[in-house]
Amino acid sequence: IRATSKESIDGLRAQLDLLRAGGTDDAPLRPRSGLADAEVLVRRIR
């Protein structure tokens, strides 16, 4: 629960940073996930 909560909060913070930046050139890059992260996802589901 602690690990999942931290990951969700980090993802929420990244999205809020994008909203605050308002699409300017200083906006942080939106974190991308991919199939390489599937192992961590599956482990959590298991």
All heavy atoms as atom14 arrays in JSON, in Angstrom:
{
  "sequence": "IRATSKESIDGLRAQLDLLRAGGTDDAPLRPRSGLADAEVLVRRIR",
  "atom14_mask": [
    [1, 1, 1, 1, 1, 1, 1, 1, 0, 0, 0, 0, 0, 0],
    [1, 1, 1, 1, 1, 1, 1, 1, 1, 1, 1, 0, 0, 0],
    [1, 1, 1, 1, 1, 0, 0, 0, 0, 0, 0, 0, 0, 0],
    [1, 1, 1, 1, 1, 1, 1, 0, 0, 0, 0, 0, 0, 0],
    [1, 1, 1, 1, 1, 1, 0, 0, 0, 0, 0, 0, 0, 0],
    [1, 1, 1, 1, 1, 1, 1, 1, 1, 0, 0, 0, 0, 0],
    [1, 1, 1, 1, 1, 1, 1, 1, 1, 0, 0, 0, 0, 0],
    [1, 1, 1, 1, 1, 1, 0, 0, 0, 0, 0, 0, 0, 0],
    [1, 1, 1, 1, 1, 1, 1, 1, 0, 0, 0, 0, 0, 0],
    [1, 1, 1, 1, 1, 1, 1, 1, 0, 0, 0, 0, 0, 0],
    [1, 1, 1, 1, 0, 0, 0, 0, 0, 0, 0, 0, 0, 0],
    [1, 1, 1, 1, 1, 1, 1, 1, 0, 0, 0, 0, 0, 0],
    [1, 1, 1, 1, 1, 1, 1, 1, 1, 1, 1, 0, 0, 0],
    [1, 1, 1, 1, 1, 0, 0, 0, 0, 0, 0, 0, 0, 0],
    [1, 1, 1, 1, 1, 1, 1, 1, 1, 0, 0, 0, 0, 0],
    [1, 1, 1, 1, 1, 1, 1, 1, 0, 0, 0, 0, 0, 0],
    [1, 1, 1, 1, 1, 1, 1, 1, 0, 0, 0, 0, 0, 0],
    [1, 1, 1, 1, 1, 1, 1, 1, 0, 0, 0, 0, 0, 0],
    [1, 1, 1, 1, 1, 1, 1, 1, 0, 0, 0, 0, 0, 0],
    [1, 1, 1, 1, 1, 1, 1, 1, 1, 1, 1, 0, 0, 0],
    [1, 1, 1, 1, 1, 0, 0, 0, 0, 0, 0, 0, 0, 0],
    [1, 1, 1, 1, 0, 0, 0, 0, 0, 0, 0, 0, 0, 0],
    [1, 1, 1, 1, 0, 0, 0, 0, 0, 0, 0, 0, 0, 0],
    [1, 1, 1, 1, 1, 1, 1, 0, 0, 0, 0, 0, 0, 0],
    [1, 1, 1, 1, 1, 1, 1, 1, 0, 0, 0, 0, 0, 0],
    [1, 1, 1, 1, 1, 1, 1, 1, 0, 0, 0, 0, 0, 0],
    [1, 1, 1, 1, 1, 0, 0, 0, 0, 0, 0, 0, 0, 0],
    [1, 1, 1, 1, 1, 1, 1, 0, 0, 0, 0, 0, 0, 0],
    [1, 1, 1, 1, 1, 1, 1, 1, 0, 0, 0, 0, 0, 0],
    [1, 1, 1, 1, 1, 1, 1, 1, 1, 1, 1, 0, 0, 0],
    [1, 1, 1, 1, 1, 1, 1, 0, 0, 0, 0, 0, 0, 0],
    [1, 1, 1, 1, 1, 1, 1, 1, 1, 1, 1, 0, 0, 0],
    [1, 1, 1, 1, 1, 1, 0, 0, 0, 0, 0, 0, 0, 0],
    [1, 1, 1, 1, 0, 0, 0, 0, 0, 0, 0, 0, 0, 0],
    [1, 1, 1, 1, 1, 1, 1, 1, 0, 0, 0, 0, 0, 0],
    [1, 1, 1, 1, 1, 0, 0, 0, 0, 0, 0, 0, 0, 0],
    [1, 1, 1, 1, 1, 1, 1, 1, 0, 0, 0, 0, 0, 0],
    [1, 1, 1, 1, 1, 0, 0, 0, 0, 0, 0, 0, 0, 0],
    [1, 1, 1, 1, 1, 1, 1, 1, 1, 0, 0, 0, 0, 0],
    [1, 1, 1, 1, 1, 1, 1, 0, 0, 0, 0, 0, 0, 0],
    [1, 1, 1, 1, 1, 1, 1, 1, 0, 0, 0, 0, 0, 0],
    [1, 1, 1, 1, 1, 1, 1, 0, 0, 0, 0, 0, 0, 0],
    [1, 1, 1, 1, 1, 1, 1, 1, 1, 1, 1, 0, 0, 0],
    [1, 1, 1, 1, 1, 1, 1, 1, 1, 1, 1, 0, 0, 0],
    [1, 1, 1, 1, 1, 1, 1, 1, 0, 0, 0, 0, 0, 0],
    [1, 1, 1, 1, 1, 1, 1, 1, 1, 1, 1, 0, 0, 0]
  ],
  "atom14_positions": [
    [[0.84, -1.2, 0.0], [0.0, 0.0, 0.0], [0.88, 1.25, 0.0], [0.61, 2.22, -0.72], [-0.94, 0.0, 1.22], [-2.01, -1.08, 1.05], [-1.59, 1.36, 1.41], [-2.9, -1.26, 2.26], [0.0, 0.0, 0.0], [0.0, 0.0, 0.0], [0.0, 0.0, 0.0], [0.0, 0.0, 0.0], [0.0, 0.0, 0.0], [0.0, 0.0, 0.0]],
    [[1.94, 1.24, 0.82], [2.82, 2.39, 0.87], [3.49, 2.65, -0.47], [3.53, 3.79, -0.95], [3.89, 2.19, 1.95], [4.84, 3.36, 2.08], [5.84, 3.14, 3.19], [6.7, 1.98, 2.89], [7.67, 1.54, 3.7], [7.89, 2.17, 4.85], [8.39, 0.5, 3.36], [0.0, 0.0, 0.0], [0.0, 0.0, 0.0], [0.0, 0.0, 0.0]],
    [[3.99, 1.59, -1.12], [4.65, 1.76, -2.41], [3.68, 2.25, -3.49], [4.0, 3.14, -4.29], [5.29, 0.44, -2.84], [0.0, 0.0, 0.0], [0.0, 0.0, 0.0], [0.0, 0.0, 0.0], [0.0, 0.0, 0.0], [0.0, 0.0, 0.0], [0.0, 0.0, 0.0], [0.0, 0.0, 0.0], [0.0, 0.0, 0.0], [0.0, 0.0, 0.0]],
    [[2.48, 1.66, -3.5], [1.49, 2.07, -4.5], [1.04, 3.5, -4.26], [0.86, 4.28, -5.21], [0.28, 1.13, -4.45], [0.71, -0.22, -4.65], [-0.72, 1.49, -5.53], [0.0, 0.0, 0.0], [0.0, 0.0, 0.0], [0.0, 0.0, 0.0], [0.0, 0.0, 0.0], [0.0, 0.0, 0.0], [0.0, 0.0, 0.0], [0.0, 0.0, 0.0]],
    [[0.86, 3.88, -3.0], [0.45, 5.25, -2.69], [1.5, 6.24, -3.15], [1.18, 7.28, -3.74], [0.22, 5.41, -1.19], [-0.79, 4.52, -0.75], [0.0, 0.0, 0.0], [0.0, 0.0, 0.0], [0.0, 0.0, 0.0], [0.0, 0.0, 0.0], [0.0, 0.0, 0.0], [0.0, 0.0, 0.0], [0.0, 0.0, 0.0], [0.0, 0.0, 0.0]],
    [[2.77, 5.93, -2.9], [3.84, 6.84, -3.32], [3.87, 7.0, -4.83], [4.0, 8.1, -5.37], [5.19, 6.32, -2.83], [6.36, 7.23, -3.19], [7.66, 6.67, -2.66], [8.81, 7.65, -2.96], [8.94, 7.92, -4.39], [0.0, 0.0, 0.0], [0.0, 0.0, 0.0], [0.0, 0.0, 0.0], [0.0, 0.0, 0.0], [0.0, 0.0, 0.0]],
    [[3.7, 5.88, -5.54], [3.71, 5.95, -7.01], [2.53, 6.77, -7.52], [2.69, 7.59, -8.45], [3.67, 4.54, -7.59], [3.68, 4.52, -9.1], [3.65, 3.1, -9.65], [4.0, 2.17, -8.9], [3.25, 2.93, -10.82], [0.0, 0.0, 0.0], [0.0, 0.0, 0.0], [0.0, 0.0, 0.0], [0.0, 0.0, 0.0], [0.0, 0.0, 0.0]],
    [[1.36, 6.58, -6.93], [0.19, 7.34, -7.36], [0.35, 8.82, -7.06], [-0.01, 9.68, -7.89], [-1.07, 6.8, -6.67], [-1.31, 5.45, -7.04], [0.0, 0.0, 0.0], [0.0, 0.0, 0.0], [0.0, 0.0, 0.0], [0.0, 0.0, 0.0], [0.0, 0.0, 0.0], [0.0, 0.0, 0.0], [0.0, 0.0, 0.0], [0.0, 0.0, 0.0]],
    [[0.9, 9.15, -5.91], [1.1, 10.56, -5.55], [2.12, 11.19, -6.49], [1.95, 12.34, -6.92], [1.54, 10.67, -4.08], [0.38, 10.29, -3.16], [2.03, 12.08, -3.78], [0.75, 10.21, -1.7], [0.0, 0.0, 0.0], [0.0, 0.0, 0.0], [0.0, 0.0, 0.0], [0.0, 0.0, 0.0], [0.0, 0.0, 0.0], [0.0, 0.0, 0.0]],
    [[3.18, 10.46, -6.82], [4.17, 10.99, -7.76], [3.55, 11.26, -9.13], [3.83, 12.29, -9.77], [5.34, 10.01, -7.9], [6.2, 9.94, -6.64], [6.09, 10.87, -5.82], [6.95, 8.95, -6.49], [0.0, 0.0, 0.0], [0.0, 0.0, 0.0], [0.0, 0.0, 0.0], [0.0, 0.0, 0.0], [0.0, 0.0, 0.0], [0.0, 0.0, 0.0]],
    [[2.7, 10.32, -9.57], [2.03, 10.53, -10.85], [1.09, 11.72, -10.81], [1.03, 12.52, -11.76], [0.0, 0.0, 0.0], [0.0, 0.0, 0.0], [0.0, 0.0, 0.0], [0.0, 0.0, 0.0], [0.0, 0.0, 0.0], [0.0, 0.0, 0.0], [0.0, 0.0, 0.0], [0.0, 0.0, 0.0], [0.0, 0.0, 0.0], [0.0, 0.0, 0.0]],
    [[0.36, 11.88, -9.7], [-0.54, 13.03, -9.55], [0.25, 14.33, -9.53], [-0.14, 15.32, -10.15], [-1.35, 12.87, -8.27], [-2.3, 14.03, -7.92], [-3.32, 14.23, -9.01], [-2.98, 13.77, -6.58], [0.0, 0.0, 0.0], [0.0, 0.0, 0.0], [0.0, 0.0, 0.0], [0.0, 0.0, 0.0], [0.0, 0.0, 0.0], [0.0, 0.0, 0.0]],
    [[1.38, 14.34, -8.82], [2.2, 15.56, -8.75], [2.72, 15.94, -10.13], [2.75, 17.12, -10.49], [3.35, 15.34, -7.78], [4.2, 16.59, -7.57], [5.3, 16.36, -6.57], [4.76, 16.11, -5.23], [4.86, 14.95, -4.58], [5.47, 13.92, -5.16], [4.35, 14.81, -3.38], [0.0, 0.0, 0.0], [0.0, 0.0, 0.0], [0.0, 0.0, 0.0]],
    [[3.13, 14.94, -10.91], [3.63, 15.23, -12.26], [2.54, 15.84, -13.13], [2.78, 16.79, -13.88], [4.16, 13.95, -12.9], [0.0, 0.0, 0.0], [0.0, 0.0, 0.0], [0.0, 0.0, 0.0], [0.0, 0.0, 0.0], [0.0, 0.0, 0.0], [0.0, 0.0, 0.0], [0.0, 0.0, 0.0], [0.0, 0.0, 0.0], [0.0, 0.0, 0.0]],
    [[1.31, 15.33, -13.02], [0.21, 15.88, -13.8], [-0.14, 17.3, -13.35], [-0.42, 18.18, -14.17], [-1.03, 14.98, -13.68], [-0.86, 13.6, -14.29], [-0.67, 13.65, -15.79], [-1.14, 14.57, -16.45], [0.03, 12.68, -16.33], [0.0, 0.0, 0.0], [0.0, 0.0, 0.0], [0.0, 0.0, 0.0], [0.0, 0.0, 0.0], [0.0, 0.0, 0.0]],
    [[-0.1, 17.55, -12.05], [-0.37, 18.89, -11.55], [0.7, 19.88, -11.99], [0.41, 21.05, -12.26], [-0.48, 18.87, -10.02], [-1.7, 18.13, -9.46], [-1.66, 18.13, -7.93], [-2.99, 18.78, -9.95], [0.0, 0.0, 0.0], [0.0, 0.0, 0.0], [0.0, 0.0, 0.0], [0.0, 0.0, 0.0], [0.0, 0.0, 0.0], [0.0, 0.0, 0.0]],
    [[1.95, 19.43, -12.06], [3.02, 20.3, -12.56], [2.75, 20.7, -14.0], [2.99, 21.85, -14.4], [4.37, 19.59, -12.45], [4.84, 19.48, -11.0], [4.33, 20.24, -10.17], [5.72, 18.64, -10.72], [0.0, 0.0, 0.0], [0.0, 0.0, 0.0], [0.0, 0.0, 0.0], [0.0, 0.0, 0.0], [0.0, 0.0, 0.0], [0.0, 0.0, 0.0]],
    [[2.25, 19.76, -14.79], [1.9, 20.09, -16.17], [0.77, 21.11, -16.23], [0.8, 22.04, -17.04], [1.49, 18.81, -16.92], [2.61, 17.89, -17.4], [2.02, 16.62, -17.99], [3.48, 18.59, -18.42], [0.0, 0.0, 0.0], [0.0, 0.0, 0.0], [0.0, 0.0, 0.0], [0.0, 0.0, 0.0], [0.0, 0.0, 0.0], [0.0, 0.0, 0.0]],
    [[-0.23, 20.94, -15.38], [-1.35, 21.88, -15.37], [-0.89, 23.27, -14.95], [-1.31, 24.27, -15.53], [-2.44, 21.38, -14.42], [-3.28, 20.19, -14.91], [-4.17, 19.69, -13.79], [-4.1, 20.58, -16.11], [0.0, 0.0, 0.0], [0.0, 0.0, 0.0], [0.0, 0.0, 0.0], [0.0, 0.0, 0.0], [0.0, 0.0, 0.0], [0.0, 0.0, 0.0]],
    [[-0.03, 23.34, -13.95], [0.45, 24.64, -13.51], [1.29, 25.32, -14.58], [1.25, 26.54, -14.72], [1.28, 24.49, -12.24], [0.47, 24.04, -11.02], [1.29, 24.16, -9.75], [0.57, 23.6, -8.6], [0.81, 22.41, -8.1], [1.74, 21.63, -8.64], [0.13, 21.98, -7.07], [0.0, 0.0, 0.0], [0.0, 0.0, 0.0], [0.0, 0.0, 0.0]],
    [[2.07, 24.54, -15.32], [2.92, 25.11, -16.37], [2.09, 25.68, -17.5], [2.54, 26.56, -18.24], [3.9, 24.07, -16.89], [0.0, 0.0, 0.0], [0.0, 0.0, 0.0], [0.0, 0.0, 0.0], [0.0, 0.0, 0.0], [0.0, 0.0, 0.0], [0.0, 0.0, 0.0], [0.0, 0.0, 0.0], [0.0, 0.0, 0.0], [0.0, 0.0, 0.0]],
    [[0.86, 25.19, -17.68], [-0.04, 25.76, -18.68], [0.41, 25.58, -20.1], [0.07, 26.36, -20.98], [0.0, 0.0, 0.0], [0.0, 0.0, 0.0], [0.0, 0.0, 0.0], [0.0, 0.0, 0.0], [0.0, 0.0, 0.0], [0.0, 0.0, 0.0], [0.0, 0.0, 0.0], [0.0, 0.0, 0.0], [0.0, 0.0, 0.0], [0.0, 0.0, 0.0]],
    [[1.21, 24.56, -20.42], [1.62, 24.31, -21.79], [2.73, 25.22, -22.28], [2.94, 25.35, -23.48], [0.0, 0.0, 0.0], [0.0, 0.0, 0.0], [0.0, 0.0, 0.0], [0.0, 0.0, 0.0], [0.0, 0.0, 0.0], [0.0, 0.0, 0.0], [0.0, 0.0, 0.0], [0.0, 0.0, 0.0], [0.0, 0.0, 0.0], [0.0, 0.0, 0.0]],
    [[3.47, 25.9, -21.35], [4.56, 26.76, -21.78], [5.78, 25.94, -22.1], [5.83, 24.73, -21.89], [4.88, 27.77, -20.66], [5.35, 27.05, -19.51], [3.64, 28.56, -20.28], [0.0, 0.0, 0.0], [0.0, 0.0, 0.0], [0.0, 0.0, 0.0], [0.0, 0.0, 0.0], [0.0, 0.0, 0.0], [0.0, 0.0, 0.0], [0.0, 0.0, 0.0]],
    [[6.82, 26.63, -22.58], [8.06, 25.95, -22.92], [8.74, 25.37, -21.69], [9.57, 24.46, -21.8], [9.02, 26.91, -23.64], [8.48, 27.34, -24.99], [7.65, 26.6, -25.53], [8.89, 28.41, -25.49], [0.0, 0.0, 0.0], [0.0, 0.0, 0.0], [0.0, 0.0, 0.0], [0.0, 0.0, 0.0], [0.0, 0.0, 0.0], [0.0, 0.0, 0.0]],
    [[8.41, 25.92, -20.49], [9.02, 25.44, -19.27], [8.27, 24.26, -18.67], [8.63, 23.76, -17.6], [9.07, 26.56, -18.22], [9.95, 27.72, -18.69], [10.89, 27.45, -19.45], [9.68, 28.87, -18.3], [0.0, 0.0, 0.0], [0.0, 0.0, 0.0], [0.0, 0.0, 0.0], [0.0, 0.0, 0.0], [0.0, 0.0, 0.0], [0.0, 0.0, 0.0]],
    [[7.22, 23.81, -19.35], [6.43, 22.7, -18.82], [7.27, 21.44, -18.78], [7.98, 21.12, -19.73], [5.18, 22.47, -19.69], [0.0, 0.0, 0.0], [0.0, 0.0, 0.0], [0.0, 0.0, 0.0], [0.0, 0.0, 0.0], [0.0, 0.0, 0.0], [0.0, 0.0, 0.0], [0.0, 0.0, 0.0], [0.0, 0.0, 0.0], [0.0, 0.0, 0.0]],
    [[7.21, 20.69, -17.67], [7.96, 19.44, -17.6], [7.39, 18.42, -18.57], [6.21, 18.44, -18.89], [7.77, 19.0, -16.14], [6.48, 19.64, -15.72], [6.41, 20.94, -16.46], [0.0, 0.0, 0.0], [0.0, 0.0, 0.0], [0.0, 0.0, 0.0], [0.0, 0.0, 0.0], [0.0, 0.0, 0.0], [0.0, 0.0, 0.0], [0.0, 0.0, 0.0]],
    [[8.23, 17.53, -19.01], [7.77, 16.49, -19.92], [6.85, 15.54, -19.17], [7.13, 15.13, -18.04], [8.96, 15.72, -20.5], [9.89, 16.53, -21.41], [11.07, 15.66, -21.84], [9.15, 17.06, -22.61], [0.0, 0.0, 0.0], [0.0, 0.0, 0.0], [0.0, 0.0, 0.0], [0.0, 0.0, 0.0], [0.0, 0.0, 0.0], [0.0, 0.0, 0.0]],
    [[5.74, 15.19, -19.8], [4.81, 14.25, -19.17], [5.45, 12.87, -19.09], [5.92, 12.34, -20.1], [3.53, 14.18, -20.02], [2.46, 13.29, -19.41], [1.11, 13.6, -20.03], [1.12, 13.49, -21.46], [0.83, 12.37, -22.12], [0.54, 11.27, -21.45], [0.84, 12.35, -23.44], [0.0, 0.0, 0.0], [0.0, 0.0, 0.0], [0.0, 0.0, 0.0]],
    [[5.53, 12.29, -17.88], [6.19, 11.0, -17.74], [5.49, 9.95, -18.57], [4.27, 9.82, -18.54], [6.1, 10.71, -16.24], [4.94, 11.54, -15.76], [4.94, 12.76, -16.62], [0.0, 0.0, 0.0], [0.0, 0.0, 0.0], [0.0, 0.0, 0.0], [0.0, 0.0, 0.0], [0.0, 0.0, 0.0], [0.0, 0.0, 0.0], [0.0, 0.0, 0.0]],
    [[6.25, 9.19, -19.3], [5.7, 8.15, -20.16], [6.01, 6.77, -19.57], [7.1, 6.52, -19.07], [6.3, 8.22, -21.57], [5.8, 9.41, -22.39], [6.37, 9.34, -23.8], [5.89, 10.41, -24.65], [4.77, 10.37, -25.37], [4.01, 9.28, -25.31], [4.39, 11.38, -26.12], [0.0, 0.0, 0.0], [0.0, 0.0, 0.0], [0.0, 0.0, 0.0]],
    [[5.01, 5.92, -19.63], [5.19, 4.52, -19.26], [5.1, 3.69, -20.52], [4.57, 4.14, -21.55], [4.12, 4.09, -18.26], [4.17, 4.9, -17.09], [0.0, 0.0, 0.0], [0.0, 0.0, 0.0], [0.0, 0.0, 0.0], [0.0, 0.0, 0.0], [0.0, 0.0, 0.0], [0.0, 0.0, 0.0], [0.0, 0.0, 0.0], [0.0, 0.0, 0.0]],
    [[5.63, 2.48, -20.44], [5.62, 1.61, -21.6], [5.6, 0.15, -21.19], [5.55, -0.18, -19.99], [0.0, 0.0, 0.0], [0.0, 0.0, 0.0], [0.0, 0.0, 0.0], [0.0, 0.0, 0.0], [0.0, 0.0, 0.0], [0.0, 0.0, 0.0], [0.0, 0.0, 0.0], [0.0, 0.0, 0.0], [0.0, 0.0, 0.0], [0.0, 0.0, 0.0]],
    [[5.63, -0.72, -22.16], [5.58, -2.15, -21.88], [6.76, -2.62, -21.06], [6.7, -3.68, -20.43], [5.49, -2.93, -23.19], [4.17, -2.77, -23.97], [4.24, -3.53, -25.28], [2.99, -3.27, -23.13], [0.0, 0.0, 0.0], [0.0, 0.0, 0.0], [0.0, 0.0, 0.0], [0.0, 0.0, 0.0], [0.0, 0.0, 0.0], [0.0, 0.0, 0.0]],
    [[7.85, -1.85, -21.05], [8.99, -2.21, -20.21], [8.63, -2.14, -18.73], [9.31, -2.76, -17.89], [10.17, -1.28, -20.51], [0.0, 0.0, 0.0], [0.0, 0.0, 0.0], [0.0, 0.0, 0.0], [0.0, 0.0, 0.0], [0.0, 0.0, 0.0], [0.0, 0.0, 0.0], [0.0, 0.0, 0.0], [0.0, 0.0, 0.0], [0.0, 0.0, 0.0]],
    [[7.57, -1.38, -18.39], [7.12, -1.29, -17.0], [6.08, -2.34, -16.65], [5.55, -2.33, -15.53], [6.52, 0.1, -16.75], [7.49, 1.22, -17.07], [8.63, 1.15, -16.6], [7.11, 2.15, -17.81], [0.0, 0.0, 0.0], [0.0, 0.0, 0.0], [0.0, 0.0, 0.0], [0.0, 0.0, 0.0], [0.0, 0.0, 0.0], [0.0, 0.0, 0.0]],
    [[5.79, -3.23, -17.57], [4.73, -4.22, -17.34], [5.09, -5.16, -16.18], [4.19, -5.62, -15.46], [4.47, -5.03, -18.61], [0.0, 0.0, 0.0], [0.0, 0.0, 0.0], [0.0, 0.0, 0.0], [0.0, 0.0, 0.0], [0.0, 0.0, 0.0], [0.0, 0.0, 0.0], [0.0, 0.0, 0.0], [0.0, 0.0, 0.0], [0.0, 0.0, 0.0]],
    [[6.37, -5.46, -16.0], [6.77, -6.39, -14.94], [6.37, -5.87, -13.56], [5.83, -6.61, -12.73], [8.27, -6.63, -15.0], [8.77, -7.63, -13.96], [10.26, -7.87, -14.05], [10.88, -7.36, -15.01], [10.8, -8.55, -13.17], [0.0, 0.0, 0.0], [0.0, 0.0, 0.0], [0.0, 0.0, 0.0], [0.0, 0.0, 0.0], [0.0, 0.0, 0.0]],
    [[6.62, -4.57, -13.31], [6.24, -3.98, -12.03], [4.72, -3.98, -11.87], [4.18, -4.29, -10.8], [6.79, -2.55, -11.93], [6.32, -1.88, -10.64], [8.31, -2.55, -12.0], [0.0, 0.0, 0.0], [0.0, 0.0, 0.0], [0.0, 0.0, 0.0], [0.0, 0.0, 0.0], [0.0, 0.0, 0.0], [0.0, 0.0, 0.0], [0.0, 0.0, 0.0]],
    [[4.02, -3.68, -12.96], [2.55, -3.67, -12.93], [2.01, -5.05, -12.6], [1.14, -5.2, -11.72], [2.02, -3.19, -14.28], [0.51, -3.28, -14.5], [-0.23, -2.36, -13.53], [0.17, -2.92, -15.94], [0.0, 0.0, 0.0], [0.0, 0.0, 0.0], [0.0, 0.0, 0.0], [0.0, 0.0, 0.0], [0.0, 0.0, 0.0], [0.0, 0.0, 0.0]],
    [[2.53, -6.07, -13.27], [2.02, -7.43, -13.05], [2.34, -7.9, -11.64], [1.52, -8.57, -10.99], [2.63, -8.37, -14.11], [2.32, -9.82, -13.76], [2.09, -8.03, -15.49], [0.0, 0.0, 0.0], [0.0, 0.0, 0.0], [0.0, 0.0, 0.0], [0.0, 0.0, 0.0], [0.0, 0.0, 0.0], [0.0, 0.0, 0.0], [0.0, 0.0, 0.0]],
    [[3.52, -7.54, -11.15], [3.89, -7.94, -9.78], [2.91, -7.36, -8.78], [2.51, -8.02, -7.81], [5.31, -7.47, -9.48], [5.85, -8.01, -8.15], [7.19, -7.41, -7.81], [8.1, -7.49, -8.94], [8.77, -6.47, -9.41], [8.63, -5.26, -8.86], [9.6, -6.6, -10.43], [0.0, 0.0, 0.0], [0.0, 0.0, 0.0], [0.0, 0.0, 0.0]],
    [[2.5, -6.12, -9.01], [1.56, -5.48, -8.1], [0.19, -6.17, -8.15], [-0.47, -6.36, -7.13], [1.43, -4.01, -8.46], [0.68, -3.18, -7.44], [0.58, -1.74, -7.89], [1.89, -1.17, -8.11], [2.27, -0.59, -9.24], [1.41, -0.5, -10.24], [3.48, -0.1, -9.37], [0.0, 0.0, 0.0], [0.0, 0.0, 0.0], [0.0, 0.0, 0.0]],
    [[-0.24, -6.55, -9.35], [-1.54, -7.24, -9.49], [-1.48, -8.62, -8.83], [-2.42, -9.05, -8.16], [-1.91, -7.37, -10.98], [-2.09, -5.98, -11.61], [-3.18, -8.18, -11.15], [-3.21, -5.16, -11.01], [0.0, 0.0, 0.0], [0.0, 0.0, 0.0], [0.0, 0.0, 0.0], [0.0, 0.0, 0.0], [0.0, 0.0, 0.0], [0.0, 0.0, 0.0]],
    [[-0.37, -9.3, -9.0], [-0.22, -10.62, -8.37], [-0.26, -10.51, -6.86], [-0.86, -11.37, -6.18], [1.09, -11.25, -8.81], [1.07, -11.79, -10.23], [2.46, -12.2, -10.66], [2.46, -12.81, -12.01], [3.55, -13.0, -12.73], [4.75, -12.61, -12.25], [3.46, -13.56, -13.92], [0.0, 0.0, 0.0], [0.0, 0.0, 0.0], [0.0, 0.0, 0.0]]
  ]
}
